[in-house]
Each structure stands twice: as C-alpha cells, then as structure tokens.
Amino acid sequence: MRYELYYWASIQGRGEFVRLALEEAGVPYVDIARTDGGEDRMLALLADDTLASPPFAPPFLKAGNRVIGQTANVLLFLGERHGLAPKSETGRLWTHQLQLTLADLVVEVHDTHHPIASGLYYEDQRREAKRRATDFVTNRLPKYLRYFERVLASNPKGPAYLVGARSTYADLSLFQVVAGLRYAFPNAMARTAKRYPQVMALHARVAARPRIAAYLASERRLPFNQQDIFRHYAELDR
C-alpha cells in the first residue's frame, strides 16, 4: 500500500510526527500537498461530505479507502501495522498514552507564541506571550521533561526507549519535540538539558537511526520556521 499524507506543504507542524513514522517504517508514501495541485486536493477532501469519517483538519492519512485523522490516531494505526508499537494491547495503549501526553506538550509550546488566539498575529499578543513563555520555560517544560526522563529510567527493558526494548513511534515523537524545543528555546534547553540525560540520549539515538538520519539529511525534511508550531522569538527565550 502506498499511503497518502495530507498536511501543509511549507511547515513541519503536526504532520512531521507522521512523516517520521513513515520514514522509519520505510513504507512508500506521497506527501500530497507537495505535489502539483496537492493542497487543493487536501482542501477538497476536508470539505467532502460523503466521507464516512471526515477529518477535522490536517494531518490525515489516506490508506486505501480509509481516511484517518488526528496525529495520535494516525500513529496508532501505523504503529500496529509497521512494527512501531508493541504487539500487546497493553503496550500499544501505553505507547498511545505517551503520544497523547506529547500532543499536550505540543499544544503548550504553540500557546507560548499564540496564547490568546491562533487567528491573531504574534505581534498582537506579544505581552501575553511573554508571560505565557516565562511560565512554560519555568514550570511546564521541566515538568514534561522530568516525566519523560522518569518513564525512560523506569522502563524495565532499560532506558534506551520509552516502551519495551525496541523503538516506537513515541520515541520518534519525543525526538521531534526535543528538536523543536531546541530551535524555539535554545537558551532554556541549554540550561535544562543536563538535568534530563536519558531524554537527550534518546534524541541522539533516534537521530542516528539509519532511516531517520537519511531523512534528516534529505530535502524532504523541512527546516523549522516562523510559521510553524515551534518558533524562535528571542524575547521569549530568556
């Protein structure tokens, strides 16, 4: 099966979590919005009232006749089919739980630069963003990193991965979050990284995986930018 991934063409965003899973699985896929007329096709599917389970927003995945929306849901689907999640139900649910926690963290990162409304420019909410980012860097970021450090340290199979003895899509997603945080908050991450050695070691371990390393070095991997979820504003990174 050749999958079709639907997400915006110019940003990593939430679609990047799915891209990383597809790349690690080594399965063929088409990033539809990066093809001629692809974004129009994506918008047409979003407006298609004939779909039995229409997605709310990108990213979503087309797998044969199935259209699967929500990042964590797409990863749940791919993980079971391509060896990116444990075989047991307990293990799959645990991996899914970790992914949902990472999704919560991604929302909080986004809200550091858009704390009032997504429809407003950053410049329209700069004062509120400074307050939100200060709280995030001081309180929320350490809480999340401490949690994932604890999960790694308590893994009965060892701290190499979040779940069991093999890499899962949750590891790929934690890698992406750490990479994004290093772009958005380089000063804060430089100060706090040494407190979470297992998380940082996992980031390096994932980056070195052959298929991920090849993807990161390719043109398919878009750079972080100021239209994305992870944005760097120096005034927010104190």
Protein backbone atom coordinates (compact mmCIF):
# COMPACT_ATOMS: atom_id res chain seq x y z
CA MET A 1 0.00 0.00 0.00
CA ARG A 2 1.23 3.49 -0.81
CA TYR A 3 -0.02 5.93 1.80
CA GLU A 4 -1.11 9.48 1.10
CA LEU A 5 -0.23 12.02 3.77
CA TYR A 6 -2.19 15.25 3.80
CA TYR A 7 -0.59 18.21 5.54
CA TRP A 8 0.54 21.74 4.74
CA ALA A 9 3.46 21.88 2.34
CA SER A 10 5.57 24.60 3.97
CA ILE A 11 5.85 23.55 7.62
CA GLN A 12 6.78 20.52 9.70
CA GLY A 13 3.93 21.01 12.17
CA ARG A 14 1.96 18.05 13.41
CA GLY A 15 2.44 16.33 10.10
CA GLU A 16 6.12 15.80 10.92
CA PHE A 17 5.26 13.24 13.59
CA VAL A 18 3.57 11.17 10.91
CA ARG A 19 6.38 11.72 8.40
CA LEU A 20 8.93 10.43 10.89
CA ALA A 21 6.91 7.26 11.44
CA LEU A 22 6.51 6.66 7.71
CA GLU A 23 10.22 7.25 7.12
CA GLU A 24 11.26 4.94 9.95
CA ALA A 25 8.87 2.23 8.72
CA GLY A 26 10.37 2.51 5.24
CA VAL A 27 6.96 2.37 3.58
CA PRO A 28 6.08 4.27 0.39
CA TYR A 29 4.05 7.42 0.83
CA VAL A 30 3.21 10.61 -1.02
CA ASP A 31 3.21 13.98 0.74
CA ILE A 32 0.19 15.16 -1.22
CA ALA A 33 0.36 18.92 -0.57
CA ARG A 34 3.90 18.97 -2.00
CA THR A 35 2.65 17.69 -5.36
CA ASP A 36 1.08 19.77 -8.14
CA GLY A 37 -2.44 20.66 -7.09
CA GLY A 38 -1.98 18.69 -3.89
CA GLU A 39 -3.14 21.37 -1.49
CA ASP A 40 -6.36 21.77 -3.47
CA ARG A 41 -6.89 18.01 -3.21
CA MET A 42 -6.38 18.21 0.54
CA LEU A 43 -8.89 21.02 0.93
CA ALA A 44 -11.38 19.15 -1.25
CA LEU A 45 -11.15 16.09 0.99
CA LEU A 46 -11.65 18.24 4.07
CA ALA A 47 -14.86 19.55 2.52
CA ASP A 48 -16.07 16.16 1.26
CA ASP A 49 -19.42 15.45 2.91
CA THR A 50 -19.51 11.91 1.52
CA LEU A 51 -16.70 10.66 3.74
CA ALA A 52 -17.86 8.30 6.48
CA SER A 53 -15.27 9.65 8.93
CA PRO A 54 -14.22 13.11 7.73
CA PRO A 55 -11.10 14.61 9.30
CA PHE A 56 -11.38 17.91 11.16
CA ALA A 57 -8.01 19.25 9.98
CA PRO A 58 -4.64 18.09 8.66
CA PRO A 59 -2.72 15.95 9.19
CA PHE A 60 -4.68 12.99 7.97
CA LEU A 61 -3.69 9.82 6.19
CA LYS A 62 -5.36 8.02 3.31
CA ALA A 63 -4.76 4.29 3.46
CA GLY A 64 -6.68 2.60 0.69
CA ASN A 65 -10.30 3.60 1.26
CA ARG A 66 -9.63 4.72 4.83
CA VAL A 67 -9.16 8.34 5.80
CA ILE A 68 -7.64 8.59 9.27
CA GLY A 69 -7.34 11.90 11.11
CA GLN A 70 -5.62 13.19 14.27
CA THR A 71 -1.87 12.74 14.65
CA ALA A 72 -2.01 10.30 17.57
CA ASN A 73 -4.70 8.26 15.84
CA VAL A 74 -2.67 8.03 12.62
CA LEU A 75 0.36 6.89 14.62
CA LEU A 76 -1.73 4.31 16.47
CA PHE A 77 -2.76 2.92 13.07
CA LEU A 78 0.77 2.93 11.62
CA GLY A 79 2.41 1.66 14.77
CA GLU A 80 0.44 -1.57 14.88
CA ARG A 81 0.94 -2.28 11.17
CA HIS A 82 4.61 -1.44 10.79
CA GLY A 83 6.33 -2.56 13.96
CA LEU A 84 6.40 0.88 15.56
CA ALA A 85 4.38 -0.20 18.60
CA PRO A 86 4.37 -3.27 20.85
CA LYS A 87 2.31 -6.27 19.83
CA SER A 88 0.42 -6.45 23.12
CA GLU A 89 -2.65 -4.33 23.71
CA THR A 90 -1.18 -3.09 26.98
CA GLY A 91 1.96 -1.95 25.20
CA ARG A 92 0.04 -0.28 22.39
CA LEU A 93 -2.15 1.61 24.84
CA TRP A 94 0.90 2.75 26.82
CA THR A 95 2.58 3.98 23.65
CA HIS A 96 -0.62 5.80 22.65
CA GLN A 97 -0.82 7.37 26.10
CA LEU A 98 2.71 8.71 25.78
CA GLN A 99 1.87 10.13 22.35
CA LEU A 100 -1.17 11.92 23.74
CA THR A 101 1.00 13.41 26.50
CA LEU A 102 3.42 14.66 23.85
CA ALA A 103 0.45 16.14 21.99
CA ASP A 104 -0.45 18.07 25.14
CA LEU A 105 3.11 19.39 25.29
CA VAL A 106 2.98 20.47 21.64
CA VAL A 107 -0.18 22.49 22.36
CA GLU A 108 1.55 24.24 25.25
CA VAL A 109 4.54 25.06 23.05
CA HIS A 110 2.23 26.56 20.43
CA ASP A 111 0.48 28.64 23.08
CA THR A 112 3.72 30.31 24.14
CA HIS A 113 3.57 32.42 20.98
CA HIS A 114 -0.21 32.39 20.46
CA PRO A 115 -1.69 32.45 23.96
CA ILE A 116 -4.82 34.42 23.06
CA ALA A 117 -5.93 33.25 19.63
CA SER A 118 -4.46 31.41 16.66
CA GLY A 119 -6.14 33.90 14.36
CA LEU A 120 -4.16 36.83 15.76
CA TYR A 121 -0.61 37.69 14.77
CA TYR A 122 2.12 37.13 17.34
CA GLU A 123 2.64 40.89 17.43
CA ASP A 124 -0.97 41.32 18.58
CA GLN A 125 -0.37 39.20 21.69
CA ARG A 126 3.29 39.78 22.42
CA ARG A 127 2.82 40.88 26.04
CA GLU A 128 0.68 37.84 26.84
CA ALA A 129 3.14 35.60 25.00
CA LYS A 130 5.99 36.78 27.21
CA ARG A 131 4.03 35.85 30.33
CA ARG A 132 2.99 32.51 28.91
CA ALA A 133 6.51 31.64 27.72
CA THR A 134 8.02 32.53 31.09
CA ASP A 135 5.65 30.17 32.84
CA PHE A 136 6.24 27.47 30.22
CA VAL A 137 10.03 27.61 30.50
CA THR A 138 9.98 27.87 34.30
CA ASN A 139 7.28 25.38 35.19
CA ARG A 140 5.71 23.40 32.37
CA LEU A 141 8.77 22.44 30.31
CA PRO A 142 10.67 20.95 33.29
CA LYS A 143 7.53 19.07 34.34
CA TYR A 144 7.18 17.39 30.96
CA LEU A 145 10.89 16.62 30.57
CA ARG A 146 11.03 15.25 34.11
CA TYR A 147 8.11 12.96 33.31
CA PHE A 148 9.72 11.50 30.19
CA GLU A 149 13.04 11.15 31.99
CA ARG A 150 11.21 9.11 34.63
CA VAL A 151 9.47 6.97 32.01
CA LEU A 152 12.81 6.16 30.39
CA ALA A 153 14.50 5.43 33.71
CA SER A 154 11.68 3.13 34.85
CA ASN A 155 11.42 1.11 31.63
CA PRO A 156 12.03 -2.49 32.76
CA LYS A 157 13.77 -3.19 29.44
CA GLY A 158 16.24 -0.34 30.02
CA PRO A 159 16.32 3.41 29.35
CA ALA A 160 17.14 3.18 25.65
CA TYR A 161 13.47 3.56 24.67
CA LEU A 162 10.22 4.72 26.20
CA VAL A 163 8.39 1.42 25.76
CA GLY A 164 9.98 -2.01 25.82
CA ALA A 165 13.25 -2.92 24.15
CA ARG A 166 12.54 -1.51 20.67
CA SER A 167 11.93 1.94 19.24
CA THR A 168 8.31 3.01 18.87
CA TYR A 169 6.60 5.98 17.30
CA ALA A 170 6.59 7.60 20.75
CA ASP A 171 10.40 7.71 20.64
CA LEU A 172 10.27 9.35 17.21
CA SER A 173 7.81 11.92 18.52
CA LEU A 174 9.86 12.70 21.60
CA PHE A 175 12.85 13.21 19.30
CA GLN A 176 10.81 15.70 17.25
CA VAL A 177 9.65 17.58 20.33
CA VAL A 178 13.20 17.91 21.67
CA ALA A 179 14.43 19.09 18.26
CA GLY A 180 11.65 21.67 18.13
CA LEU A 181 12.30 22.85 21.67
CA ARG A 182 15.99 23.31 20.89
CA TYR A 183 15.00 25.53 17.98
CA ALA A 184 12.35 27.52 19.84
CA PHE A 185 14.06 27.80 23.23
CA PRO A 186 17.79 27.25 22.73
CA ASN A 187 18.78 29.11 25.89
CA ALA A 188 16.24 27.37 28.10
CA MET A 189 17.11 23.97 26.67
CA ALA A 190 20.84 24.60 27.10
CA ARG A 191 20.21 25.33 30.78
CA THR A 192 17.96 22.37 31.45
CA ALA A 193 19.18 19.62 29.11
CA LYS A 194 21.79 18.30 31.53
CA ARG A 195 19.06 17.52 34.04
CA TYR A 196 17.46 15.06 31.63
CA PRO A 197 20.28 12.90 30.25
CA GLN A 198 18.07 9.99 29.23
CA VAL A 199 15.76 12.22 27.18
CA MET A 200 18.71 13.83 25.43
CA ALA A 201 20.34 10.46 24.82
CA LEU A 202 17.12 9.21 23.22
CA HIS A 203 17.06 12.28 20.96
CA ALA A 204 20.58 11.47 19.76
CA ARG A 205 19.77 7.78 19.42
CA VAL A 206 16.75 8.42 17.20
CA ALA A 207 18.66 10.93 15.07
CA ALA A 208 21.28 8.26 14.40
CA ARG A 209 18.84 5.59 13.24
CA PRO A 210 19.72 4.92 9.58
CA ARG A 211 16.38 5.78 8.00
CA ILE A 212 15.85 8.81 10.23
CA ALA A 213 19.38 10.06 9.60
CA ALA A 214 18.84 9.74 5.86
CA TYR A 215 15.55 11.59 6.12
CA LEU A 216 17.02 14.40 8.21
CA ALA A 217 19.76 14.89 5.60
CA SER A 218 17.28 14.95 2.72
CA GLU A 219 15.24 17.74 1.17
CA ARG A 220 12.11 16.05 2.46
CA ARG A 221 12.92 17.34 5.95
CA LEU A 222 11.78 20.94 6.04
CA PRO A 223 13.62 23.36 8.32
CA PHE A 224 11.90 24.84 11.35
CA ASN A 225 10.48 28.26 10.56
CA GLN A 226 8.46 31.12 11.99
CA GLN A 227 5.15 29.86 10.61
CA ASP A 228 5.41 26.56 12.45
CA ILE A 229 4.43 25.23 15.87
CA PHE A 230 7.99 25.59 17.15
CA ARG A 231 9.02 29.22 16.65
CA HIS A 232 12.02 31.07 17.96
CA TYR A 233 11.43 34.53 19.38
CA ALA A 234 14.47 35.70 21.31
CA GLU A 235 12.35 37.72 23.70
CA LEU A 236 10.53 34.55 24.78
CA ASP A 237 13.71 32.54 25.37
CA ARG A 238 15.12 34.14 28.49
